[in-house]
Amino acid sequence: MILDNPVTVHDHTGNSVVIQQLDIILMDHNARKIVFARLAPCPKPLILWRNAEYDEAGDYTQEDAENRIKELLGSDIQASLQELYRVSTV
């Protein structure tokens, strides 16, 4: 998925990483009723649907998943991707 504008995030060492596109890897866990998207190069996954939303999404398409990702990232894509890039120190 190509971003409208490149965004810059910072990794755990403080180095800047410019993201121009996201390589989407979908993980669908039917038994747990949850769909994750790994937006490479971000280390943390994004939850697209779970529980009732999972049931409502049904047989989603790649386009449905990309639209959901855009919805969840919101208007401040840089801040959202920075959160997904943050590595927990715990």
Protein backbone atom coordinates (compact mmCIF):
# COMPACT_ATOMS: atom_id res chain seq x y z
CA MET A 1 0.00 0.00 0.00
CA ILE A 2 1.61 3.23 -1.14
CA LEU A 3 1.13 6.20 1.20
CA ASP A 4 -0.12 9.51 -0.21
CA ASN A 5 2.89 11.21 1.39
CA PRO A 6 6.03 9.72 2.95
CA VAL A 7 6.14 9.80 6.75
CA THR A 8 9.12 9.73 9.08
CA VAL A 9 9.10 7.68 12.27
CA HIS A 10 11.87 6.94 14.76
CA ASP A 11 13.05 3.49 15.76
CA HIS A 12 13.96 2.44 19.30
CA THR A 13 17.46 3.86 18.87
CA GLY A 14 16.20 7.25 17.69
CA ASN A 15 17.15 6.75 14.05
CA SER A 16 14.75 8.21 11.49
CA VAL A 17 12.94 5.80 9.18
CA VAL A 18 11.12 7.18 6.14
CA ILE A 19 8.09 5.12 5.15
CA GLN A 20 6.68 5.55 1.66
CA GLN A 21 4.76 2.30 1.42
CA LEU A 22 3.53 -0.46 3.69
CA ASP A 23 3.90 -4.15 2.92
CA ILE A 24 0.68 -5.64 4.34
CA ILE A 25 0.69 -9.10 5.85
CA LEU A 26 -2.74 -10.27 7.06
CA MET A 27 -3.16 -12.82 9.84
CA ASP A 28 -6.66 -14.21 10.34
CA HIS A 29 -7.23 -16.31 13.47
CA ASN A 30 -10.70 -17.77 12.98
CA ALA A 31 -10.92 -19.52 16.37
CA ARG A 32 -10.12 -16.27 18.20
CA LYS A 33 -12.20 -14.15 15.79
CA ILE A 34 -9.45 -11.64 15.12
CA VAL A 35 -7.61 -10.24 12.10
CA PHE A 36 -4.21 -8.59 12.47
CA ALA A 37 -2.31 -6.66 9.83
CA ARG A 38 1.45 -6.46 10.01
CA LEU A 39 2.42 -3.25 8.25
CA ALA A 40 6.07 -3.80 7.41
CA PRO A 41 8.39 -2.19 8.32
CA CYS A 42 6.47 -1.57 11.59
CA PRO A 43 7.17 -4.28 14.19
CA LYS A 44 3.77 -4.10 15.96
CA PRO A 45 0.63 -5.49 14.30
CA LEU A 46 -2.59 -3.53 13.88
CA ILE A 47 -5.86 -5.20 14.90
CA LEU A 48 -8.34 -4.79 12.05
CA TRP A 49 -11.37 -6.68 13.35
CA ARG A 50 -12.20 -8.81 16.38
CA ASN A 51 -15.24 -10.50 17.90
CA ALA A 52 -18.49 -8.98 16.52
CA GLU A 53 -16.58 -6.82 14.02
CA TYR A 54 -14.85 -9.98 12.80
CA ASP A 55 -18.22 -11.60 12.16
CA GLU A 56 -19.49 -8.46 10.39
CA ALA A 57 -16.38 -8.29 8.17
CA GLY A 58 -17.09 -11.83 6.96
CA ASP A 59 -15.23 -12.75 3.77
CA TYR A 60 -13.28 -9.51 3.52
CA THR A 61 -11.19 -8.64 0.47
CA GLN A 62 -7.73 -7.13 0.23
CA GLU A 63 -9.43 -3.83 -0.61
CA ASP A 64 -11.61 -4.14 2.52
CA ALA A 65 -8.48 -4.71 4.62
CA GLU A 66 -6.67 -1.73 3.09
CA ASN A 67 -9.69 0.51 3.64
CA ARG A 68 -9.86 -0.64 7.27
CA ILE A 69 -6.15 0.07 7.72
CA LYS A 70 -6.61 3.59 6.35
CA GLU A 71 -9.59 4.09 8.67
CA LEU A 72 -7.64 2.92 11.73
CA LEU A 73 -4.54 4.94 10.89
CA GLY A 74 -6.77 8.03 10.73
CA SER A 75 -5.79 11.49 9.60
CA ASP A 76 -2.46 11.53 11.48
CA ILE A 77 -0.79 8.59 9.76
CA GLN A 78 2.63 9.55 11.06
CA ALA A 79 1.54 9.35 14.71
CA SER A 80 -0.30 6.07 14.12
CA LEU A 81 2.71 4.48 12.39
CA GLN A 82 5.03 5.80 15.10
CA GLU A 83 2.90 3.99 17.67
CA LEU A 84 3.17 0.77 15.64
CA TYR A 85 6.92 1.30 15.34
CA ARG A 86 7.41 1.74 19.08
CA VAL A 87 9.04 -1.28 20.67
CA SER A 88 8.06 -2.12 24.22
CA THR A 89 10.92 -2.06 26.72
CA VAL A 90 9.07 -4.14 29.29
